Amino acid sequence: MPKAGPASVAFRNVSMRYGAVTAVDNVSFSIEAGKLVTLLGPSGCGKTTTLRMIAGLEIASEGQILIGDKDVTRLSAADRDVSMVFQSYALFPHMNVLENAAYGPTVKGLPKAKAQEMALEKLALVGLKGFEKRFPSELSGGQQQRVAVARALVLEPQVLLFDEPLSNLDAKLRRRVREEIRELQQTLNLTVAYVTHDQEEALAVSDRIIVMSNSRIAQEGTPRQLYEEPADAFVADFIGDANMVDVTVKSVADGRAAVAIGPANVSLAARGLQPGPAKAAIRPQSLLVSRHESQGTLPGSVRKCAYLGNHLDLMIETAVGELFVISHDVDDMLLPGTPVWLSFASSGVILVP
């Protein structure tokens, strides 16, 4: 029987309650077949519970969950065509790599030779050809992660789920493994729901991101939409660093706003705001530092300057508060107390509704 291929996932007004605690509150979203969508948010926001409801490891208190066109709301994990890669990898220590990868089809009652053939194919896919006889304890963290992915892929599920898959890896390896996961997802045309609290990871791997806060969806969109058009201060600050600053919208015309940031004036997309007090999110790399005063700049004084190899991290005291600035002029170490003037790049300064 041929496999069904990737399937879409849809949540319709789904809630999850544990007694008096609401872990997920009336959430609706969809994941297109063959896309990677990340659930992103701080600890306790409801993202892992949402993932576990897709898996059938938690049964929703209310609402409807669809995989493909099939209502799976009340189905157990065993009756859903999904596989999950856990944060801890959950490999069996007494089984070698091949046995671990062949576990799913073996449990489903396939002949041992067939199960191993399926497992070998997926191990080759994740670059573990030749590692079949090793045990998990003989593998690096990155290799264990790949065994877990191969094991999840063996049954060619309609939906593949990842729960914080990189959190046990060091920073360099994390970048490599996330690229591998993304490549695999695109090559095999998999539907993937991916949970992380790491915004850089989410920006790097996702077709779309669903940002969760306090058991609800704060915003969803492409990585670029969330970064360039955050719906509120929470999203602006969570996706990429942002300085949240009080500003004044002086006038609005043709969708553009004349905005005063302290003594400086800028023109920004109005985003539906009217004249009056407002908030702006200013990305650290959108503040341009000069030692010379010029028209329309924001004066400030350097409080801290740290050298980070390819850039400087600066804290600059200004009329609108202390601003975090990233400068790529690494040759100009600015001593505390140095007077500077800040101007604004054409992107990365955003009015927040």
C-alpha atoms as a PDB file:
ATOM      1  CA  MET A   1       0.000   0.000   0.000  1.00  0.00           C
ATOM      2  CA  PRO A   2       1.591   3.358  -1.015  1.00  0.00           C
ATOM      3  CA  LYS A   3       2.157   5.946   1.696  1.00  0.00           C
ATOM      4  CA  ALA A   4      -0.229   8.881   1.971  1.00  0.00           C
ATOM      5  CA  GLY A   5       2.430  11.586   1.770  1.00  0.00           C
ATOM      6  CA  PRO A   6       2.547  14.726   3.912  1.00  0.00           C
ATOM      7  CA  ALA A   7      -0.699  16.041   5.383  1.00  0.00           C
ATOM      8  CA  SER A   8      -1.865  19.417   6.597  1.00  0.00           C
ATOM      9  CA  VAL A   9      -2.634  20.038  10.287  1.00  0.00           C
ATOM     10  CA  ALA A  10      -5.453  22.287  11.509  1.00  0.00           C
ATOM     11  CA  PHE A  11      -6.463  23.428  14.997  1.00  0.00           C
ATOM     12  CA  ARG A  12      -9.974  24.856  15.363  1.00  0.00           C
ATOM     13  CA  ASN A  13     -10.635  26.643  18.667  1.00  0.00           C
ATOM     14  CA  VAL A  14      -8.573  24.136  20.636  1.00  0.00           C
ATOM     15  CA  SER A  15      -8.152  24.455  24.402  1.00  0.00           C
ATOM     16  CA  MET A  16      -6.327  22.279  26.901  1.00  0.00           C
ATOM     17  CA  ARG A  17      -7.121  22.478  30.588  1.00  0.00           C
ATOM     18  CA  TYR A  18      -5.566  20.703  33.543  1.00  0.00           C
ATOM     19  CA  GLY A  19      -8.102  21.279  36.314  1.00  0.00           C
ATOM     20  CA  ALA A  20      -8.220  25.046  36.858  1.00  0.00           C
ATOM     21  CA  VAL A  21      -5.105  25.695  34.727  1.00  0.00           C
ATOM     22  CA  THR A  22      -5.564  26.532  31.036  1.00  0.00           C
ATOM     23  CA  ALA A  23      -2.406  25.491  29.176  1.00  0.00           C
ATOM     24  CA  VAL A  24      -3.725  26.289  25.693  1.00  0.00           C
ATOM     25  CA  ASP A  25      -6.550  28.786  25.304  1.00  0.00           C
ATOM     26  CA  ASN A  26      -8.809  28.731  22.212  1.00  0.00           C
ATOM     27  CA  VAL A  27      -6.041  28.342  19.633  1.00  0.00           C
ATOM     28  CA  SER A  28      -6.673  28.125  15.867  1.00  0.00           C
ATOM     29  CA  PHE A  29      -4.014  27.732  13.161  1.00  0.00           C
ATOM     30  CA  SER A  30      -3.115  25.562  10.200  1.00  0.00           C
ATOM     31  CA  ILE A  31       0.086  24.008   8.865  1.00  0.00           C
ATOM     32  CA  GLU A  32       0.164  23.436   5.116  1.00  0.00           C
ATOM     33  CA  ALA A  33       1.249  20.009   3.860  1.00  0.00           C
ATOM     34  CA  GLY A  34       4.992  19.942   3.157  1.00  0.00           C
ATOM     35  CA  LYS A  35       5.778  23.055   5.245  1.00  0.00           C
ATOM     36  CA  LEU A  36       7.812  23.551   8.420  1.00  0.00           C
ATOM     37  CA  VAL A  37       5.982  25.640  10.999  1.00  0.00           C
ATOM     38  CA  THR A  38       7.573  26.577  14.305  1.00  0.00           C
ATOM     39  CA  LEU A  39       5.748  27.118  17.577  1.00  0.00           C
ATOM     40  CA  LEU A  40       7.884  29.715  19.323  1.00  0.00           C
ATOM     41  CA  GLY A  41       7.593  31.275  22.741  1.00  0.00           C
ATOM     42  CA  PRO A  42       8.959  31.476  26.290  1.00  0.00           C
ATOM     43  CA  SER A  43       8.691  28.599  28.785  1.00  0.00           C
ATOM     44  CA  GLY A  44       5.140  27.882  29.860  1.00  0.00           C
ATOM     45  CA  CYS A  45       3.475  29.603  26.878  1.00  0.00           C
ATOM     46  CA  GLY A  46       1.678  26.438  25.710  1.00  0.00           C
ATOM     47  CA  LYS A  47       3.827  25.471  22.718  1.00  0.00           C
ATOM     48  CA  THR A  48       4.851  21.978  23.903  1.00  0.00           C
ATOM     49  CA  THR A  49       1.287  21.177  25.011  1.00  0.00           C
ATOM     50  CA  THR A  50       0.132  22.199  21.508  1.00  0.00           C
ATOM     51  CA  LEU A  51       2.714  19.869  19.952  1.00  0.00           C
ATOM     52  CA  ARG A  52       1.671  17.006  22.243  1.00  0.00           C
ATOM     53  CA  MET A  53      -1.947  17.527  21.167  1.00  0.00           C
ATOM     54  CA  ILE A  54      -0.915  17.109  17.502  1.00  0.00           C
ATOM     55  CA  ALA A  55       0.854  13.894  18.538  1.00  0.00           C
ATOM     56  CA  GLY A  56      -2.143  12.600  20.498  1.00  0.00           C
ATOM     57  CA  LEU A  57      -0.075  12.470  23.701  1.00  0.00           C
ATOM     58  CA  GLU A  58      -2.588  14.947  25.172  1.00  0.00           C
ATOM     59  CA  ILE A  59      -6.270  14.919  24.230  1.00  0.00           C
ATOM     60  CA  ALA A  60      -7.774  18.409  23.760  1.00  0.00           C
ATOM     61  CA  SER A  61     -10.340  19.586  26.313  1.00  0.00           C
ATOM     62  CA  GLU A  62     -12.295  21.300  23.546  1.00  0.00           C
ATOM     63  CA  GLY A  63     -12.060  22.203  19.878  1.00  0.00           C
ATOM     64  CA  GLN A  64     -11.135  20.136  16.840  1.00  0.00           C
ATOM     65  CA  ILE A  65      -7.802  18.838  15.468  1.00  0.00           C
ATOM     66  CA  LEU A  66      -7.532  17.706  11.842  1.00  0.00           C
ATOM     67  CA  ILE A  67      -4.671  15.892  10.136  1.00  0.00           C
ATOM     68  CA  GLY A  68      -5.295  15.971   6.410  1.00  0.00           C
ATOM     69  CA  ASP A  69      -9.093  15.945   6.223  1.00  0.00           C
ATOM     70  CA  LYS A  70      -9.412  13.514   9.096  1.00  0.00           C
ATOM     71  CA  ASP A  71     -10.710  14.571  12.504  1.00  0.00           C
ATOM     72  CA  VAL A  72      -8.198  13.091  14.965  1.00  0.00           C
ATOM     73  CA  THR A  73      -9.301  15.051  18.066  1.00  0.00           C
ATOM     74  CA  ARG A  74     -10.187  11.942  20.060  1.00  0.00           C
ATOM     75  CA  LEU A  75      -7.682   9.511  18.530  1.00  0.00           C
ATOM     76  CA  SER A  76      -4.784   8.140  20.576  1.00  0.00           C
ATOM     77  CA  ALA A  77      -1.161   8.655  19.513  1.00  0.00           C
ATOM     78  CA  ALA A  78      -1.017   5.106  18.088  1.00  0.00           C
ATOM     79  CA  ASP A  79      -3.948   5.831  15.761  1.00  0.00           C
ATOM     80  CA  ARG A  80      -2.441   9.004  14.282  1.00  0.00           C
ATOM     81  CA  ASP A  81       0.087   8.936  11.451  1.00  0.00           C
ATOM     82  CA  VAL A  82       2.611  11.185  13.232  1.00  0.00           C
ATOM     83  CA  SER A  83       6.083  10.729  14.715  1.00  0.00           C
ATOM     84  CA  MET A  84       7.803  12.805  17.368  1.00  0.00           C
ATOM     85  CA  VAL A  85      11.480  13.537  17.985  1.00  0.00           C
ATOM     86  CA  PHE A  86      11.888  14.274  21.681  1.00  0.00           C
ATOM     87  CA  GLN A  87      14.283  16.713  23.304  1.00  0.00           C
ATOM     88  CA  SER A  88      16.012  13.832  25.116  1.00  0.00           C
ATOM     89  CA  TYR A  89      16.106  11.696  21.899  1.00  0.00           C
ATOM     90  CA  ALA A  90      14.660   8.792  23.978  1.00  0.00           C
ATOM     91  CA  LEU A  91      16.871   6.148  22.325  1.00  0.00           C
ATOM     92  CA  PHE A  92      16.963   2.635  23.790  1.00  0.00           C
ATOM     93  CA  PRO A  93      20.446   2.246  25.338  1.00  0.00           C
ATOM     94  CA  HIS A  94      20.466  -1.577  25.021  1.00  0.00           C
ATOM     95  CA  MET A  95      19.720  -1.476  21.273  1.00  0.00           C
ATOM     96  CA  ASN A  96      22.207  -0.599  18.561  1.00  0.00           C
ATOM     97  CA  VAL A  97      21.559   2.149  15.997  1.00  0.00           C
ATOM     98  CA  LEU A  98      19.894  -0.188  13.499  1.00  0.00           C
ATOM     99  CA  GLU A  99      17.609  -1.744  16.122  1.00  0.00           C
ATOM    100  CA  ASN A 100      16.648   1.701  17.409  1.00  0.00           C
ATOM    101  CA  ALA A 101      15.799   2.908  13.909  1.00  0.00           C
ATOM    102  CA  ALA A 102      13.857  -0.276  13.068  1.00  0.00           C
ATOM    103  CA  TYR A 103      11.825  -0.127  16.283  1.00  0.00           C
ATOM    104  CA  GLY A 104       8.637   1.363  14.762  1.00  0.00           C
ATOM    105  CA  PRO A 105       8.092  -1.143  11.935  1.00  0.00           C
ATOM    106  CA  THR A 106       9.139  -4.030  14.256  1.00  0.00           C
ATOM    107  CA  VAL A 107       6.448  -3.046  16.791  1.00  0.00           C
ATOM    108  CA  LYS A 108       3.939  -2.794  13.937  1.00  0.00           C
ATOM    109  CA  GLY A 109       4.698  -6.470  13.215  1.00  0.00           C
ATOM    110  CA  LEU A 110       6.702  -6.176   9.999  1.00  0.00           C
ATOM    111  CA  PRO A 111       9.198  -8.983   9.307  1.00  0.00           C
ATOM    112  CA  LYS A 112      12.617  -8.221  10.806  1.00  0.00           C
ATOM    113  CA  ALA A 113      14.357  -8.113   7.399  1.00  0.00           C
ATOM    114  CA  LYS A 114      11.821  -5.611   6.027  1.00  0.00           C
ATOM    115  CA  ALA A 115      12.010  -3.428   9.169  1.00  0.00           C
ATOM    116  CA  GLN A 116      15.808  -3.347   8.943  1.00  0.00           C
ATOM    117  CA  GLU A 117      15.735  -2.544   5.236  1.00  0.00           C
ATOM    118  CA  MET A 118      13.451   0.461   5.943  1.00  0.00           C
ATOM    119  CA  ALA A 119      15.717   1.546   8.816  1.00  0.00           C
ATOM    120  CA  LEU A 120      18.910   1.285   6.713  1.00  0.00           C
ATOM    121  CA  GLU A 121      17.396   3.531   4.056  1.00  0.00           C
ATOM    122  CA  LYS A 122      16.557   6.252   6.593  1.00  0.00           C
ATOM    123  CA  LEU A 123      19.916   5.954   8.410  1.00  0.00           C
ATOM    124  CA  ALA A 124      21.681   6.527   5.082  1.00  0.00           C
ATOM    125  CA  LEU A 125      19.450   9.558   4.544  1.00  0.00           C
ATOM    126  CA  VAL A 126      20.606  11.180   7.807  1.00  0.00           C
ATOM    127  CA  GLY A 127      24.266  10.374   7.126  1.00  0.00           C
ATOM    128  CA  LEU A 128      24.673   7.416   9.500  1.00  0.00           C
ATOM    129  CA  LYS A 129      25.619   4.695   7.004  1.00  0.00           C
ATOM    130  CA  GLY A 130      28.259   2.530   8.711  1.00  0.00           C
ATOM    131  CA  PHE A 131      27.060   3.344  12.250  1.00  0.00           C
ATOM    132  CA  GLU A 132      24.408   0.593  12.369  1.00  0.00           C
ATOM    133  CA  LYS A 133      26.170  -1.601  14.939  1.00  0.00           C
ATOM    134  CA  ARG A 134      27.063   1.174  17.387  1.00  0.00           C
ATOM    135  CA  PHE A 135      25.180   1.784  20.602  1.00  0.00           C
ATOM    136  CA  PRO A 136      23.785   5.219  21.616  1.00  0.00           C
ATOM    137  CA  SER A 137      26.483   5.582  24.307  1.00  0.00           C
ATOM    138  CA  GLU A 138      29.144   5.412  21.554  1.00  0.00           C
ATOM    139  CA  LEU A 139      27.643   8.312  19.599  1.00  0.00           C
ATOM    140  CA  SER A 140      27.986  12.091  19.905  1.00  0.00           C
ATOM    141  CA  GLY A 141      24.939  14.212  20.734  1.00  0.00           C
ATOM    142  CA  GLY A 142      24.535  15.185  17.078  1.00  0.00           C
ATOM    143  CA  GLN A 143      24.655  11.538  15.965  1.00  0.00           C
ATOM    144  CA  GLN A 144      22.119  10.489  18.619  1.00  0.00           C
ATOM    145  CA  GLN A 145      19.864  13.269  17.363  1.00  0.00           C
ATOM    146  CA  ARG A 146      20.101  11.848  13.830  1.00  0.00           C
ATOM    147  CA  VAL A 147      19.242   8.329  15.000  1.00  0.00           C
ATOM    148  CA  ALA A 148      16.133   9.802  16.655  1.00  0.00           C
ATOM    149  CA  VAL A 149      15.223  11.552  13.373  1.00  0.00           C
ATOM    150  CA  ALA A 150      15.809   8.351  11.339  1.00  0.00           C
ATOM    151  CA  ARG A 151      13.635   6.378  13.766  1.00  0.00           C
ATOM    152  CA  ALA A 152      10.860   8.983  13.447  1.00  0.00           C
ATOM    153  CA  LEU A 153      11.115   8.942   9.630  1.00  0.00           C
ATOM    154  CA  VAL A 154      11.096   5.163   9.177  1.00  0.00           C
ATOM    155  CA  LEU A 155       7.316   4.845   9.035  1.00  0.00           C
ATOM    156  CA  GLU A 156       7.090   7.894   6.742  1.00  0.00           C
ATOM    157  CA  PRO A 157       4.561   9.682   8.928  1.00  0.00           C
ATOM    158  CA  GLN A 158       2.182  12.298   7.512  1.00  0.00           C
ATOM    159  CA  VAL A 159       3.434  14.748  10.149  1.00  0.00           C
ATOM    160  CA  LEU A 160       6.808  14.909  11.909  1.00  0.00           C
ATOM    161  CA  LEU A 161       7.054  16.686  15.269  1.00  0.00           C
ATOM    162  CA  PHE A 162      10.178  18.125  16.907  1.00  0.00           C
ATOM    163  CA  ASP A 163      10.232  19.193  20.563  1.00  0.00           C
ATOM    164  CA  GLU A 164      13.211  21.488  21.255  1.00  0.00           C
ATOM    165  CA  PRO A 165      15.414  19.124  19.186  1.00  0.00           C
ATOM    166  CA  LEU A 166      18.647  21.124  19.468  1.00  0.00           C
ATOM    167  CA  SER A 167      18.649  22.160  23.104  1.00  0.00           C
ATOM    168  CA  ASN A 168      21.146  19.435  24.140  1.00  0.00           C
ATOM    169  CA  LEU A 169      23.718  20.396  21.480  1.00  0.00           C
ATOM    170  CA  ASP A 170      26.485  22.984  21.628  1.00  0.00           C
ATOM    171  CA  ALA A 171      26.104  26.200  19.613  1.00  0.00           C
ATOM    172  CA  LYS A 172      28.209  25.215  16.577  1.00  0.00           C
ATOM    173  CA  LEU A 173      26.588  21.810  16.215  1.00  0.00           C
ATOM    174  CA  ARG A 174      23.165  23.360  16.725  1.00  0.00           C
ATOM    175  CA  ARG A 175      23.577  25.456  13.595  1.00  0.00           C
ATOM    176  CA  ARG A 176      24.657  22.444  11.541  1.00  0.00           C
ATOM    177  CA  VAL A 177      21.896  20.128  12.754  1.00  0.00           C
ATOM    178  CA  ARG A 178      19.175  22.735  12.215  1.00  0.00           C
ATOM    179  CA  GLU A 179      20.382  23.111   8.608  1.00  0.00           C
ATOM    180  CA  GLU A 180      20.220  19.318   8.219  1.00  0.00           C
ATOM    181  CA  ILE A 181      16.682  19.166   9.590  1.00  0.00           C
ATOM    182  CA  ARG A 182      15.571  21.953   7.241  1.00  0.00           C
ATOM    183  CA  GLU A 183      17.240  20.298   4.245  1.00  0.00           C
ATOM    184  CA  LEU A 184      15.669  16.925   5.057  1.00  0.00           C
ATOM    185  CA  GLN A 185      12.242  18.515   5.480  1.00  0.00           C
ATOM    186  CA  GLN A 186      12.471  20.228   2.084  1.00  0.00           C
ATOM    187  CA  THR A 187      14.025  17.282   0.228  1.00  0.00           C
ATOM    188  CA  LEU A 188      11.446  14.797   1.527  1.00  0.00           C
ATOM    189  CA  ASN A 189       8.569  17.301   1.403  1.00  0.00           C
ATOM    190  CA  LEU A 190       7.649  16.650   5.050  1.00  0.00           C
ATOM    191  CA  THR A 191       5.018  18.410   7.127  1.00  0.00           C
ATOM    192  CA  VAL A 192       6.853  19.463  10.279  1.00  0.00           C
ATOM    193  CA  ALA A 193       5.713  21.145  13.489  1.00  0.00           C
ATOM    194  CA  TYR A 194       8.768  22.312  15.409  1.00  0.00           C
ATOM    195  CA  VAL A 195       8.877  23.681  18.954  1.00  0.00           C
ATOM    196  CA  THR A 196      11.639  25.979  20.196  1.00  0.00           C
ATOM    197  CA  HIS A 197      12.157  28.952  22.502  1.00  0.00           C
ATOM    198  CA  ASP A 198      15.204  30.030  20.445  1.00  0.00           C
ATOM    199  CA  GLN A 199      14.146  32.785  18.054  1.00  0.00           C
ATOM    200  CA  GLU A 200      17.258  32.548  15.858  1.00  0.00           C
ATOM    201  CA  GLU A 201      16.575  28.842  15.338  1.00  0.00           C
ATOM    202  CA  ALA A 202      12.944  29.611  14.448  1.00  0.00           C
ATOM    203  CA  LEU A 203      13.952  32.316  11.942  1.00  0.00           C
ATOM    204  CA  ALA A 204      16.475  29.944  10.332  1.00  0.00           C
ATOM    205  CA  VAL A 205      14.299  26.868   9.743  1.00  0.00           C
ATOM    206  CA  SER A 206      10.691  27.993   9.360  1.00  0.00           C
ATOM    207  CA  ASP A 207       8.306  28.615   6.509  1.00  0.00           C
ATOM    208  CA  ARG A 208       6.000  30.180   9.088  1.00  0.00           C
ATOM    209  CA  ILE A 209       6.282  30.936  12.794  1.00  0.00           C
ATOM    210  CA  ILE A 210       3.485  30.896  15.372  1.00  0.00           C
ATOM    211  CA  VAL A 211       4.514  33.012  18.369  1.00  0.00           C
ATOM    212  CA  MET A 212       2.752  31.950  21.568  1.00  0.00           C
ATOM    213  CA  SER A 213       2.383  33.929  24.760  1.00  0.00           C
ATOM    214  CA  ASN A 214       0.294  33.050  27.830  1.00  0.00           C
ATOM    215  CA  SER A 215      -1.421  30.029  26.202  1.00  0.00           C
ATOM    216  CA  ARG A 216      -2.537  32.005  23.144  1.00  0.00           C
ATOM    217  CA  ILE A 217      -1.193  32.950  19.726  1.00  0.00           C
ATOM    218  CA  ALA A 218       0.403  36.405  19.821  1.00  0.00           C
ATOM    219  CA  GLN A 219       1.114  36.496  16.073  1.00  0.00           C
ATOM    220  CA  GLU A 220       1.798  34.185  13.162  1.00  0.00           C
ATOM    221  CA  GLY A 221       3.523  34.834   9.862  1.00  0.00           C
ATOM    222  CA  THR A 222       6.713  34.339   7.882  1.00  0.00           C
ATOM    223  CA  PRO A 223      10.007  35.006   9.684  1.00  0.00           C
ATOM    224  CA  ARG A 224      10.313  38.295   7.779  1.00  0.00           C
ATOM    225  CA  GLN A 225       6.774  39.441   8.626  1.00  0.00           C
ATOM    226  CA  LEU A 226       7.284  38.810  12.331  1.00  0.00           C
ATOM    227  CA  TYR A 227      10.648  40.567  12.372  1.00  0.00           C
ATOM    228  CA  GLU A 228       9.644  43.567  10.265  1.00  0.00           C
ATOM    229  CA  GLU A 229       5.991  43.942  11.319  1.00  0.00           C
ATOM    230  CA  PRO A 230       5.585  42.731  14.914  1.00  0.00           C
ATOM    231  CA  ALA A 231       1.967  42.900  16.095  1.00  0.00           C
ATOM    232  CA  ASP A 232       2.846  44.129  19.563  1.00  0.00           C
ATOM    233  CA  ALA A 233       5.674  44.893  21.980  1.00  0.00           C
ATOM    234  CA  PHE A 234       5.936  41.259  23.117  1.00  0.00           C
ATOM    235  CA  VAL A 235       6.568  39.963  19.581  1.00  0.00           C
ATOM    236  CA  ALA A 236       8.913  42.858  18.735  1.00  0.00           C
ATOM    237  CA  ASP A 237      11.029  42.084  21.770  1.00  0.00           C
ATOM    238  CA  PHE A 238      10.858  38.290  21.455  1.00  0.00           C
ATOM    239  CA  ILE A 239      11.809  38.037  17.769  1.00  0.00           C
ATOM    240  CA  GLY A 240      15.236  39.638  17.592  1.00  0.00           C
ATOM    241  CA  ASP A 241      16.422  42.223  20.080  1.00  0.00           C
ATOM    242  CA  ALA A 242      14.514  45.478  20.174  1.00  0.00           C
ATOM    243  CA  ASN A 243      14.753  48.708  22.127  1.00  0.00           C
ATOM    244  CA  MET A 244      11.178  49.619  23.105  1.00  0.00           C
ATOM    245  CA  VAL A 245      10.967  53.401  23.134  1.00  0.00           C
ATOM    246  CA  ASP A 246       8.221  55.958  23.865  1.00  0.00           C
ATOM    247  CA  VAL A 247       7.758  58.214  20.829  1.00  0.00           C
ATOM    248  CA  THR A 248       5.281  60.813  19.560  1.00  0.00           C
ATOM    249  CA  VAL A 249       3.416  60.464  16.269  1.00  0.00           C
ATOM    250  CA  LYS A 250       3.168  64.097  15.102  1.00  0.00           C
ATOM    251  CA  SER A 251       1.164  63.599  11.915  1.00  0.00           C
ATOM    252  CA  VAL A 252      -0.002  60.865   9.550  1.00  0.00           C
ATOM    253  CA  ALA A 253      -0.455  61.109   5.769  1.00  0.00           C
ATOM    254  CA  ASP A 254      -0.686  58.437   3.049  1.00  0.00           C
ATOM    255  CA  GLY A 255       0.212  55.632   5.435  1.00  0.00           C
ATOM    256  CA  ARG A 256       3.383  57.379   6.665  1.00  0.00           C
ATOM    257  CA  ALA A 257       3.867  58.860  10.125  1.00  0.00           C
ATOM    258  CA  ALA A 258       6.131  61.752  11.120  1.00  0.00           C
ATOM    259  CA  VAL A 259       7.558  60.520  14.418  1.00  0.00           C
ATOM    260  CA  ALA A 260       9.604  62.290  17.096  1.00  0.00           C
ATOM    261  CA  ILE A 261      12.118  60.068  18.905  1.00  0.00           C
ATOM    262  CA  GLY A 262      13.315  62.503  21.554  1.00  0.00           C
ATOM    263  CA  PRO A 263      14.775  65.456  19.608  1.00  0.00           C
ATOM    264  CA  ALA A 264      15.172  63.363  16.430  1.00  0.00           C
ATOM    265  CA  ASN A 265      12.543  63.097  13.682  1.00  0.00           C
ATOM    266  CA  VAL A 266      11.901  60.106  11.417  1.00  0.00           C
ATOM    267  CA  SER A 267       9.297  59.026   8.868  1.00  0.00           C
ATOM    268  CA  LEU A 268       7.882  55.529   9.512  1.00  0.00           C
ATOM    269  CA  ALA A 269       5.080  53.287   8.209  1.00  0.00           C
ATOM    270  CA  ALA A 270       2.047  54.418  10.234  1.00  0.00           C
ATOM    271  CA  ARG A 271       0.666  50.869  10.748  1.00  0.00           C
ATOM    272  CA  GLY A 272      -2.792  52.224  11.522  1.00  0.00           C
ATOM    273  CA  LEU A 273      -1.683  54.598  14.294  1.00  0.00           C
ATOM    274  CA  GLN A 274      -3.073  58.099  14.764  1.00  0.00           C
ATOM    275  CA  PRO A 275      -1.198  61.202  16.047  1.00  0.00           C
ATOM    276  CA  GLY A 276      -0.323  61.004  19.745  1.00  0.00           C
ATOM    277  CA  PRO A 277       1.978  59.053  22.080  1.00  0.00           C
ATOM    278  CA  ALA A 278       3.121  55.671  20.764  1.00  0.00           C
ATOM    279  CA  LYS A 279       5.772  52.981  21.129  1.00  0.00           C
ATOM    280  CA  ALA A 280       8.485  52.123  18.641  1.00  0.00           C
ATOM    281  CA  ALA A 281      10.712  49.050  18.433  1.00  0.00           C
ATOM    282  CA  ILE A 282      14.249  49.938  17.346  1.00  0.00           C
ATOM    283  CA  ARG A 283      16.558  47.100  16.307  1.00  0.00           C
ATOM    284  CA  PRO A 284      20.081  47.434  17.768  1.00  0.00           C
ATOM    285  CA  GLN A 285      21.718  47.299  14.319  1.00  0.00           C
ATOM    286  CA  SER A 286      19.393  50.029  12.992  1.00  0.00           C
ATOM    287  CA  LEU A 287      21.005  52.676  15.189  1.00  0.00           C
ATOM    288  CA  LEU A 288      23.966  54.275  13.430  1.00  0.00           C
ATOM    289  CA  VAL A 289      26.620  55.782  15.673  1.00  0.00           C
ATOM    290  CA  SER A 290      28.589  58.919  14.818  1.00  0.00           C
ATOM    291  CA  ARG A 291      31.005  61.034  16.840  1.00  0.00           C
ATOM    292  CA  HIS A 292      29.773  64.125  14.997  1.00  0.00           C
ATOM    293  CA  GLU A 293      26.501  65.955  15.438  1.00  0.00           C
ATOM    294  CA  SER A 294      24.292  66.320  12.380  1.00  0.00           C
ATOM    295  CA  GLN A 295      20.731  67.396  11.552  1.00  0.00           C
ATOM    296  CA  GLY A 296      17.948  65.300  13.121  1.00  0.00           C
ATOM    297  CA  THR A 297      20.139  62.996  15.197  1.00  0.00           C
ATOM    298  CA  LEU A 298      19.631  61.735  18.738  1.00  0.00           C
ATOM    299  CA  PRO A 299      22.466  62.777  21.103  1.00  0.00           C
ATOM    300  CA  GLY A 300      23.726  60.273  23.617  1.00  0.00           C
ATOM    301  CA  SER A 301      26.601  59.205  25.822  1.00  0.00           C
ATOM    302  CA  VAL A 302      28.357  55.819  25.779  1.00  0.00           C
ATOM    303  CA  ARG A 303      27.833  53.847  28.991  1.00  0.00           C
ATOM    304  CA  LYS A 304      29.367  50.520  27.931  1.00  0.00           C
ATOM    305  CA  CYS A 305      31.287  49.175  24.943  1.00  0.00           C
ATOM    306  CA  ALA A 306      32.069  45.459  24.525  1.00  0.00           C
ATOM    307  CA  TYR A 307      34.166  43.956  21.700  1.00  0.00           C
ATOM    308  CA  LEU A 308      32.624  40.755  20.261  1.00  0.00           C
ATOM    309  CA  GLY A 309      34.935  40.028  17.342  1.00  0.00           C
ATOM    310  CA  ASN A 310      32.790  41.008  14.380  1.00  0.00           C
ATOM    311  CA  HIS A 311      30.828  43.761  16.158  1.00  0.00           C
ATOM    312  CA  LEU A 312      30.647  46.007  19.206  1.00  0.00           C
ATOM    313  CA  ASP A 313      27.818  45.877  21.748  1.00  0.00           C
ATOM    314  CA  LEU A 314      27.133  49.392  23.021  1.00  0.00           C
ATOM    315  CA  MET A 315      24.848  50.754  25.718  1.00  0.00           C
ATOM    316  CA  ILE A 316      24.093  54.403  25.013  1.00  0.00           C
ATOM    317  CA  GLU A 317      22.276  56.783  27.372  1.00  0.00           C
ATOM    318  CA  THR A 318      19.824  59.071  25.501  1.00  0.00           C
ATOM    319  CA  ALA A 319      16.799  61.300  26.117  1.00  0.00           C
ATOM    320  CA  VAL A 320      14.501  58.318  25.373  1.00  0.00           C
ATOM    321  CA  GLY A 321      16.328  55.953  27.727  1.00  0.00           C
ATOM    322  CA  GLU A 322      19.263  53.579  27.503  1.00  0.00           C
ATOM    323  CA  LEU A 323      19.596  52.038  24.030  1.00  0.00           C
ATOM    324  CA  PHE A 324      21.354  48.829  23.058  1.00  0.00           C
ATOM    325  CA  VAL A 325      23.319  49.337  19.821  1.00  0.00           C
ATOM    326  CA  ILE A 326      25.253  46.892  17.618  1.00  0.00           C
ATOM    327  CA  SER A 327      28.034  48.593  15.661  1.00  0.00           C
ATOM    328  CA  HIS A 328      30.139  46.887  12.996  1.00  0.00           C
ATOM    329  CA  ASP A 329      32.846  49.538  13.203  1.00  0.00           C
ATOM    330  CA  VAL A 330      35.038  47.354  15.427  1.00  0.00           C
ATOM    331  CA  ASP A 331      38.065  49.628  15.038  1.00  0.00           C
ATOM    332  CA  ASP A 332      36.368  52.449  16.937  1.00  0.00           C
ATOM    333  CA  MET A 333      36.216  51.365  20.580  1.00  0.00           C
ATOM    334  CA  LEU A 334      34.131  54.019  22.285  1.00  0.00           C
ATOM    335  CA  LEU A 335      35.109  54.685  25.877  1.00  0.00           C
ATOM    336  CA  PRO A 336      32.426  55.205  28.532  1.00  0.00           C
ATOM    337  CA  GLY A 337      31.423  58.876  28.644  1.00  0.00           C
ATOM    338  CA  THR A 338      32.147  59.499  24.926  1.00  0.00           C
ATOM    339  CA  PRO A 339      29.463  61.776  23.420  1.00  0.00           C
ATOM    340  CA  VAL A 340      27.840  60.271  20.287  1.00  0.00           C
ATOM    341  CA  TRP A 341      24.953  61.032  17.929  1.00  0.00           C
ATOM    342  CA  LEU A 342      22.553  58.364  16.718  1.00  0.00           C
ATOM    343  CA  SER A 343      20.757  58.307  13.393  1.00  0.00           C
ATOM    344  CA  PHE A 344      18.289  55.697  12.168  1.00  0.00           C
ATOM    345  CA  ALA A 345      18.624  53.152   9.351  1.00  0.00           C
ATOM    346  CA  SER A 346      15.854  52.981   6.733  1.00  0.00           C
ATOM    347  CA  SER A 347      14.646  49.637   8.143  1.00  0.00           C
ATOM    348  CA  GLY A 348      14.416  48.210  11.659  1.00  0.00           C
ATOM    349  CA  VAL A 349      12.637  51.156  13.266  1.00  0.00           C
ATOM    350  CA  ILE A 350       9.005  50.088  13.651  1.00  0.00           C
ATOM    351  CA  LEU A 351       5.915  51.654  15.180  1.00  0.00           C
ATOM    352  CA  VAL A 352       4.208  49.063  17.378  1.00  0.00           C
ATOM    353  CA  PRO A 353       0.386  49.032  17.311  1.00  0.00           C
END
